[in-house]
PDB file of N, CA and C in Angstrom:
ATOM      1  N   MET A   1     -17.532 -16.051   0.557  1.00  0.00           N
ATOM      2  CA  MET A   1     -16.812 -14.816   0.817  1.00  0.00           C
ATOM      3  C   MET A   1     -15.749 -14.644  -0.261  1.00  0.00           C
ATOM      4  N   GLU A   2     -15.697 -13.427  -0.824  1.00  0.00           N
ATOM      5  CA  GLU A   2     -14.691 -13.163  -1.850  1.00  0.00           C
ATOM      6  C   GLU A   2     -13.310 -13.002  -1.221  1.00  0.00           C
ATOM      7  N   LYS A   3     -12.295 -13.261  -2.004  1.00  0.00           N
ATOM      8  CA  LYS A   3     -10.926 -13.065  -1.516  1.00  0.00           C
ATOM      9  C   LYS A   3     -10.707 -11.573  -1.282  1.00  0.00           C
ATOM     10  N   THR A   4     -10.013 -11.254  -0.203  1.00  0.00           N
ATOM     11  CA  THR A   4      -9.831  -9.849   0.164  1.00  0.00           C
ATOM     12  C   THR A   4      -9.055  -9.065  -0.880  1.00  0.00           C
ATOM     13  N   ILE A   5      -8.190  -9.708  -1.627  1.00  0.00           N
ATOM     14  CA  ILE A   5      -7.408  -8.997  -2.636  1.00  0.00           C
ATOM     15  C   ILE A   5      -8.309  -8.434  -3.731  1.00  0.00           C
ATOM     16  N   HIS A   6      -9.502  -8.990  -3.883  1.00  0.00           N
ATOM     17  CA  HIS A   6     -10.442  -8.533  -4.903  1.00  0.00           C
ATOM     18  C   HIS A   6     -11.606  -7.739  -4.310  1.00  0.00           C
ATOM     19  N   SER A   7     -11.489  -7.374  -3.057  1.00  0.00           N
ATOM     20  CA  SER A   7     -12.597  -6.674  -2.405  1.00  0.00           C
ATOM     21  C   SER A   7     -12.547  -5.174  -2.666  1.00  0.00           C
ATOM     22  N   ARG A   8     -13.672  -4.538  -2.531  1.00  0.00           N
ATOM     23  CA  ARG A   8     -13.770  -3.083  -2.687  1.00  0.00           C
ATOM     24  C   ARG A   8     -12.925  -2.376  -1.631  1.00  0.00           C
ATOM     25  N   ASP A   9     -12.922  -2.912  -0.409  1.00  0.00           N
ATOM     26  CA  ASP A   9     -12.119  -2.320   0.660  1.00  0.00           C
ATOM     27  C   ASP A   9     -10.635  -2.352   0.336  1.00  0.00           C
ATOM     28  N   TYR A  10     -10.158  -3.481  -0.166  1.00  0.00           N
ATOM     29  CA  TYR A  10      -8.735  -3.572  -0.490  1.00  0.00           C
ATOM     30  C   TYR A  10      -8.390  -2.635  -1.648  1.00  0.00           C
ATOM     31  N   ASP A  11      -9.303  -2.500  -2.597  1.00  0.00           N
ATOM     32  CA  ASP A  11      -9.079  -1.549  -3.693  1.00  0.00           C
ATOM     33  C   ASP A  11      -8.925  -0.129  -3.157  1.00  0.00           C
ATOM     34  N   ARG A  12      -9.766   0.251  -2.202  1.00  0.00           N
ATOM     35  CA  ARG A  12      -9.654   1.591  -1.607  1.00  0.00           C
ATOM     36  C   ARG A  12      -8.327   1.758  -0.889  1.00  0.00           C
ATOM     37  N   LEU A  13      -7.900   0.722  -0.189  1.00  0.00           N
ATOM     38  CA  LEU A  13      -6.632   0.793   0.535  1.00  0.00           C
ATOM     39  C   LEU A  13      -5.454   0.929  -0.434  1.00  0.00           C
ATOM     40  N   ARG A  14      -5.470   0.156  -1.504  1.00  0.00           N
ATOM     41  CA  ARG A  14      -4.410   0.248  -2.514  1.00  0.00           C
ATOM     42  C   ARG A  14      -4.384   1.630  -3.149  1.00  0.00           C
ATOM     43  N   GLN A  15      -5.564   2.151  -3.469  1.00  0.00           N
ATOM     44  CA  GLN A  15      -5.665   3.493  -4.059  1.00  0.00           C
ATOM     45  C   GLN A  15      -5.082   4.532  -3.098  1.00  0.00           C
ATOM     46  N   TRP A  16      -5.405   4.393  -1.821  1.00  0.00           N
ATOM     47  CA  TRP A  16      -4.897   5.319  -0.809  1.00  0.00           C
ATOM     48  C   TRP A  16      -3.370   5.267  -0.747  1.00  0.00           C
ATOM     49  N   LEU A  17      -2.805   4.070  -0.770  1.00  0.00           N
ATOM     50  CA  LEU A  17      -1.349   3.933  -0.739  1.00  0.00           C
ATOM     51  C   LEU A  17      -0.714   4.601  -1.956  1.00  0.00           C
ATOM     52  N   ARG A  18      -1.286   4.374  -3.117  1.00  0.00           N
ATOM     53  CA  ARG A  18      -0.761   4.979  -4.343  1.00  0.00           C
ATOM     54  C   ARG A  18      -0.858   6.505  -4.270  1.00  0.00           C
ATOM     55  N   GLU A  19      -1.991   7.012  -3.788  1.00  0.00           N
ATOM     56  CA  GLU A  19      -2.156   8.463  -3.656  1.00  0.00           C
ATOM     57  C   GLU A  19      -1.135   9.054  -2.691  1.00  0.00           C
ATOM     58  N   GLN A  20      -0.895   8.361  -1.584  1.00  0.00           N
ATOM     59  CA  GLN A  20       0.087   8.844  -0.616  1.00  0.00           C
ATOM     60  C   GLN A  20       1.478   8.894  -1.233  1.00  0.00           C
ATOM     61  N   ARG A  21       1.801   7.864  -2.001  1.00  0.00           N
ATOM     62  CA  ARG A  21       3.119   7.818  -2.640  1.00  0.00           C
ATOM     63  C   ARG A  21       3.279   8.959  -3.639  1.00  0.00           C
ATOM     64  N   THR A  22       2.272   9.176  -4.466  1.00  0.00           N
ATOM     65  CA  THR A  22       2.386  10.223  -5.479  1.00  0.00           C
ATOM     66  C   THR A  22       2.347  11.618  -4.859  1.00  0.00           C
ATOM     67  N   GLU A  23       1.554  11.805  -3.813  1.00  0.00           N
ATOM     68  CA  GLU A  23       1.531  13.103  -3.126  1.00  0.00           C
ATOM     69  C   GLU A  23       2.894  13.451  -2.533  1.00  0.00           C
ATOM     70  N   LYS A  24       3.597  12.433  -2.077  1.00  0.00           N
ATOM     71  CA  LYS A  24       4.924  12.643  -1.492  1.00  0.00           C
ATOM     72  C   LYS A  24       6.006  12.658  -2.569  1.00  0.00           C
ATOM     73  N   GLU A  25       5.571  12.502  -3.821  1.00  0.00           N
ATOM     74  CA  GLU A  25       6.467  12.506  -4.976  1.00  0.00           C
ATOM     75  C   GLU A  25       7.564  11.445  -4.858  1.00  0.00           C
ATOM     76  N   LEU A  26       7.156  10.275  -4.400  1.00  0.00           N
ATOM     77  CA  LEU A  26       8.070   9.135  -4.304  1.00  0.00           C
ATOM     78  C   LEU A  26       7.824   8.192  -5.476  1.00  0.00           C
ATOM     79  N   THR A  27       8.891   7.672  -6.034  1.00  0.00           N
ATOM     80  CA  THR A  27       8.761   6.667  -7.082  1.00  0.00           C
ATOM     81  C   THR A  27       8.600   5.297  -6.428  1.00  0.00           C
ATOM     82  N   MET A  28       8.175   4.339  -7.237  1.00  0.00           N
ATOM     83  CA  MET A  28       8.077   2.963  -6.738  1.00  0.00           C
ATOM     84  C   MET A  28       9.452   2.458  -6.314  1.00  0.00           C
ATOM     85  N   ARG A  29      10.465   2.845  -7.051  1.00  0.00           N
ATOM     86  CA  ARG A  29      11.836   2.424  -6.711  1.00  0.00           C
ATOM     87  C   ARG A  29      12.268   2.984  -5.356  1.00  0.00           C
ATOM     88  N   GLU A  30      11.914   4.239  -5.084  1.00  0.00           N
ATOM     89  CA  GLU A  30      12.288   4.842  -3.804  1.00  0.00           C
ATOM     90  C   GLU A  30      11.570   4.148  -2.640  1.00  0.00           C
ATOM     91  N   VAL A  31      10.293   3.864  -2.816  1.00  0.00           N
ATOM     92  CA  VAL A  31       9.540   3.158  -1.768  1.00  0.00           C
ATOM     93  C   VAL A  31      10.114   1.765  -1.571  1.00  0.00           C
ATOM     94  N   ALA A  32      10.385   1.081  -2.676  1.00  0.00           N
ATOM     95  CA  ALA A  32      10.944  -0.271  -2.594  1.00  0.00           C
ATOM     96  C   ALA A  32      12.278  -0.274  -1.849  1.00  0.00           C
ATOM     97  N   ALA A  33      13.117   0.705  -2.116  1.00  0.00           N
ATOM     98  CA  ALA A  33      14.420   0.781  -1.439  1.00  0.00           C
ATOM     99  C   ALA A  33      14.235   0.980   0.058  1.00  0.00           C
ATOM    100  N   LYS A  34      13.264   1.788   0.444  1.00  0.00           N
ATOM    101  CA  LYS A  34      13.015   2.022   1.872  1.00  0.00           C
ATOM    102  C   LYS A  34      12.505   0.767   2.572  1.00  0.00           C
ATOM    103  N   ILE A  35      11.715  -0.033   1.841  1.00  0.00           N
ATOM    104  CA  ILE A  35      11.163  -1.258   2.429  1.00  0.00           C
ATOM    105  C   ILE A  35      12.160  -2.410   2.351  1.00  0.00           C
ATOM    106  N   GLY A  36      13.023  -2.353   1.336  1.00  0.00           N
ATOM    107  CA  GLY A  36      13.995  -3.429   1.145  1.00  0.00           C
ATOM    108  C   GLY A  36      13.487  -4.522   0.224  1.00  0.00           C
ATOM    109  N   VAL A  37      12.709  -4.112  -0.793  1.00  0.00           N
ATOM    110  CA  VAL A  37      12.182  -5.059  -1.781  1.00  0.00           C
ATOM    111  C   VAL A  37      12.500  -4.520  -3.172  1.00  0.00           C
ATOM    112  N   ILE A  38      12.244  -5.322  -4.191  1.00  0.00           N
ATOM    113  CA  ILE A  38      12.445  -4.845  -5.558  1.00  0.00           C
ATOM    114  C   ILE A  38      11.243  -3.991  -5.965  1.00  0.00           C
ATOM    115  N   HIS A  39      11.468  -3.075  -6.910  1.00  0.00           N
ATOM    116  CA  HIS A  39      10.414  -2.117  -7.266  1.00  0.00           C
ATOM    117  C   HIS A  39       9.176  -2.780  -7.856  1.00  0.00           C
ATOM    118  N   SER A  40       9.342  -3.918  -8.507  1.00  0.00           N
ATOM    119  CA  SER A  40       8.167  -4.585  -9.084  1.00  0.00           C
ATOM    120  C   SER A  40       7.218  -5.068  -7.992  1.00  0.00           C
ATOM    121  N   TRP A  41       7.739  -5.316  -6.793  1.00  0.00           N
ATOM    122  CA  TRP A  41       6.898  -5.706  -5.653  1.00  0.00           C
ATOM    123  C   TRP A  41       5.915  -4.581  -5.350  1.00  0.00           C
ATOM    124  N   VAL A  42       6.405  -3.341  -5.342  1.00  0.00           N
ATOM    125  CA  VAL A  42       5.551  -2.184  -5.084  1.00  0.00           C
ATOM    126  C   VAL A  42       4.504  -2.068  -6.191  1.00  0.00           C
ATOM    127  N   GLY A  43       4.914  -2.248  -7.423  1.00  0.00           N
ATOM    128  CA  GLY A  43       3.975  -2.196  -8.540  1.00  0.00           C
ATOM    129  C   GLY A  43       2.894  -3.244  -8.428  1.00  0.00           C
ATOM    130  N   LYS A  44       3.269  -4.443  -8.045  1.00  0.00           N
ATOM    131  CA  LYS A  44       2.281  -5.513  -7.903  1.00  0.00           C
ATOM    132  C   LYS A  44       1.293  -5.218  -6.784  1.00  0.00           C
ATOM    133  N   VAL A  45       1.774  -4.618  -5.714  1.00  0.00           N
ATOM    134  CA  VAL A  45       0.877  -4.229  -4.618  1.00  0.00           C
ATOM    135  C   VAL A  45      -0.109  -3.183  -5.126  1.00  0.00           C
ATOM    136  N   GLU A  46       0.394  -2.153  -5.775  1.00  0.00           N
ATOM    137  CA  GLU A  46      -0.459  -1.054  -6.228  1.00  0.00           C
ATOM    138  C   GLU A  46      -1.423  -1.482  -7.322  1.00  0.00           C
ATOM    139  N   GLN A  47      -1.069  -2.489  -8.094  1.00  0.00           N
ATOM    140  CA  GLN A  47      -1.942  -2.964  -9.170  1.00  0.00           C
ATOM    141  C   GLN A  47      -2.894  -4.072  -8.714  1.00  0.00           C
ATOM    142  N   GLY A  48      -2.753  -4.506  -7.484  1.00  0.00           N
ATOM    143  CA  GLY A  48      -3.648  -5.543  -6.971  1.00  0.00           C
ATOM    144  C   GLY A  48      -3.236  -6.956  -7.328  1.00  0.00           C
ATOM    145  N   GLU A  49      -1.997  -7.137  -7.740  1.00  0.00           N
ATOM    146  CA  GLU A  49      -1.497  -8.469  -8.072  1.00  0.00           C
ATOM    147  C   GLU A  49      -0.887  -9.167  -6.860  1.00  0.00           C
ATOM    148  N   ARG A  50      -0.652  -8.398  -5.807  1.00  0.00           N
ATOM    149  CA  ARG A  50      -0.064  -8.948  -4.589  1.00  0.00           C
ATOM    150  C   ARG A  50      -0.743  -8.307  -3.393  1.00  0.00           C
ATOM    151  N   ARG A  51      -1.081  -9.126  -2.420  1.00  0.00           N
ATOM    152  CA  ARG A  51      -1.745  -8.633  -1.222  1.00  0.00           C
ATOM    153  C   ARG A  51      -0.708  -8.377  -0.132  1.00  0.00           C
ATOM    154  N   LEU A  52      -0.905  -7.281   0.598  1.00  0.00           N
ATOM    155  CA  LEU A  52      -0.047  -6.964   1.731  1.00  0.00           C
ATOM    156  C   LEU A  52      -0.568  -7.643   2.983  1.00  0.00           C
ATOM    157  N   ASP A  53       0.333  -8.201   3.780  1.00  0.00           N
ATOM    158  CA  ASP A  53      -0.089  -8.625   5.110  1.00  0.00           C
ATOM    159  C   ASP A  53       0.038  -7.415   6.031  1.00  0.00           C
ATOM    160  N   VAL A  54      -0.388  -7.536   7.253  1.00  0.00           N
ATOM    161  CA  VAL A  54      -0.445  -6.379   8.150  1.00  0.00           C
ATOM    162  C   VAL A  54       0.946  -5.805   8.441  1.00  0.00           C
ATOM    163  N   VAL A  55       1.942  -6.647   8.577  1.00  0.00           N
ATOM    164  CA  VAL A  55       3.299  -6.167   8.840  1.00  0.00           C
ATOM    165  C   VAL A  55       3.832  -5.419   7.618  1.00  0.00           C
ATOM    166  N   GLU A  56       3.598  -5.955   6.430  1.00  0.00           N
ATOM    167  CA  GLU A  56       4.029  -5.283   5.210  1.00  0.00           C
ATOM    168  C   GLU A  56       3.318  -3.943   5.048  1.00  0.00           C
ATOM    169  N   PHE A  57       2.022  -3.903   5.392  1.00  0.00           N
ATOM    170  CA  PHE A  57       1.261  -2.665   5.313  1.00  0.00           C
ATOM    171  C   PHE A  57       1.877  -1.588   6.207  1.00  0.00           C
ATOM    172  N   VAL A  58       2.233  -1.950   7.426  1.00  0.00           N
ATOM    173  CA  VAL A  58       2.843  -0.988   8.349  1.00  0.00           C
ATOM    174  C   VAL A  58       4.188  -0.522   7.811  1.00  0.00           C
ATOM    175  N   ARG A  59       4.987  -1.425   7.282  1.00  0.00           N
ATOM    176  CA  ARG A  59       6.284  -1.039   6.697  1.00  0.00           C
ATOM    177  C   ARG A  59       6.106  -0.135   5.489  1.00  0.00           C
ATOM    178  N   TYR A  60       5.111  -0.436   4.673  1.00  0.00           N
ATOM    179  CA  TYR A  60       4.806   0.381   3.497  1.00  0.00           C
ATOM    180  C   TYR A  60       4.447   1.794   3.944  1.00  0.00           C
ATOM    181  N   CYS A  61       3.570   1.903   4.933  1.00  0.00           N
ATOM    182  CA  CYS A  61       3.171   3.208   5.461  1.00  0.00           C
ATOM    183  C   CYS A  61       4.368   3.957   6.034  1.00  0.00           C
ATOM    184  N   ASP A  62       5.228   3.242   6.741  1.00  0.00           N
ATOM    185  CA  ASP A  62       6.430   3.862   7.303  1.00  0.00           C
ATOM    186  C   ASP A  62       7.310   4.425   6.192  1.00  0.00           C
ATOM    187  N   ALA A  63       7.454   3.665   5.110  1.00  0.00           N
ATOM    188  CA  ALA A  63       8.265   4.124   3.974  1.00  0.00           C
ATOM    189  C   ALA A  63       7.658   5.374   3.340  1.00  0.00           C
ATOM    190  N   LEU A  64       6.336   5.480   3.392  1.00  0.00           N
ATOM    191  CA  LEU A  64       5.653   6.647   2.834  1.00  0.00           C
ATOM    192  C   LEU A  64       5.602   7.815   3.813  1.00  0.00           C
ATOM    193  N   GLY A  65       5.897   7.537   5.081  1.00  0.00           N
ATOM    194  CA  GLY A  65       5.816   8.576   6.095  1.00  0.00           C
ATOM    195  C   GLY A  65       4.390   8.914   6.482  1.00  0.00           C
ATOM    196  N   VAL A  66       3.509   7.916   6.429  1.00  0.00           N
ATOM    197  CA  VAL A  66       2.106   8.124   6.801  1.00  0.00           C
ATOM    198  C   VAL A  66       1.729   7.203   7.954  1.00  0.00           C
ATOM    199  N   ASP A  67       0.709   7.591   8.672  1.00  0.00           N
ATOM    200  CA  ASP A  67       0.213   6.810   9.800  1.00  0.00           C
ATOM    201  C   ASP A  67      -0.668   5.679   9.266  1.00  0.00           C
ATOM    202  N   PRO A  68      -0.353   4.432   9.571  1.00  0.00           N
ATOM    203  CA  PRO A  68      -1.171   3.309   9.092  1.00  0.00           C
ATOM    204  C   PRO A  68      -2.633   3.409   9.540  1.00  0.00           C
ATOM    205  N   HIS A  69      -2.873   4.092  10.658  1.00  0.00           N
ATOM    206  CA  HIS A  69      -4.250   4.232  11.137  1.00  0.00           C
ATOM    207  C   HIS A  69      -5.120   4.973  10.125  1.00  0.00           C
ATOM    208  N   GLU A  70      -4.521   5.904   9.382  1.00  0.00           N
ATOM    209  CA  GLU A  70      -5.284   6.626   8.356  1.00  0.00           C
ATOM    210  C   GLU A  70      -5.843   5.665   7.319  1.00  0.00           C
ATOM    211  N   GLY A  71      -5.007   4.761   6.870  1.00  0.00           N
ATOM    212  CA  GLY A  71      -5.454   3.765   5.884  1.00  0.00           C
ATOM    213  C   GLY A  71      -6.480   2.822   6.459  1.00  0.00           C
ATOM    214  N   LEU A  72      -6.265   2.398   7.705  1.00  0.00           N
ATOM    215  CA  LEU A  72      -7.217   1.490   8.332  1.00  0.00           C
ATOM    216  C   LEU A  72      -8.554   2.162   8.572  1.00  0.00           C
ATOM    217  N   ASN A  73      -8.528   3.464   8.841  1.00  0.00           N
ATOM    218  CA  ASN A  73      -9.782   4.192   9.041  1.00  0.00           C
ATOM    219  C   ASN A  73     -10.641   4.178   7.784  1.00  0.00           C
ATOM    220  N   LEU A  74     -10.026   4.093   6.617  1.00  0.00           N
ATOM    221  CA  LEU A  74     -10.796   3.978   5.369  1.00  0.00           C
ATOM    222  C   LEU A  74     -11.658   2.720   5.382  1.00  0.00           C
ATOM    223  N   LEU A  75     -11.120   1.674   5.978  1.00  0.00           N
ATOM    224  CA  LEU A  75     -11.843   0.402   6.008  1.00  0.00           C
ATOM    225  C   LEU A  75     -12.944   0.386   7.063  1.00  0.00           C
ATOM    226  N   MET A  76     -12.838   1.277   8.018  1.00  0.00           N
ATOM    227  CA  MET A  76     -13.804   1.314   9.116  1.00  0.00           C
ATOM    228  C   MET A  76     -15.051   2.133   8.776  1.00  0.00           C
ATOM    229  N   LYS A  77     -14.979   2.899   7.685  1.00  0.00           N
ATOM    230  CA  LYS A  77     -16.120   3.746   7.296  1.00  0.00           C
ATOM    231  C   LYS A  77     -17.215   2.935   6.672  1.00  0.00           C
TER     232      LYS A  77
END
């Protein structure tokens, strides 16, 4: 089994998060401030260098103002 950070599903989820951030016209720094992390953390997540756990994913979605279920539904298709 491949590591989830390198899976097609995780790539789709990362892409979705990035799209949500850009649609809301939020910078990585703004998202990072809302989550309480440094901006490079957000960059590493979006570039696939760092994997989100489920709690971090929910916090990330909250910072973006999106429902985490939307992102999870991408994985269910």
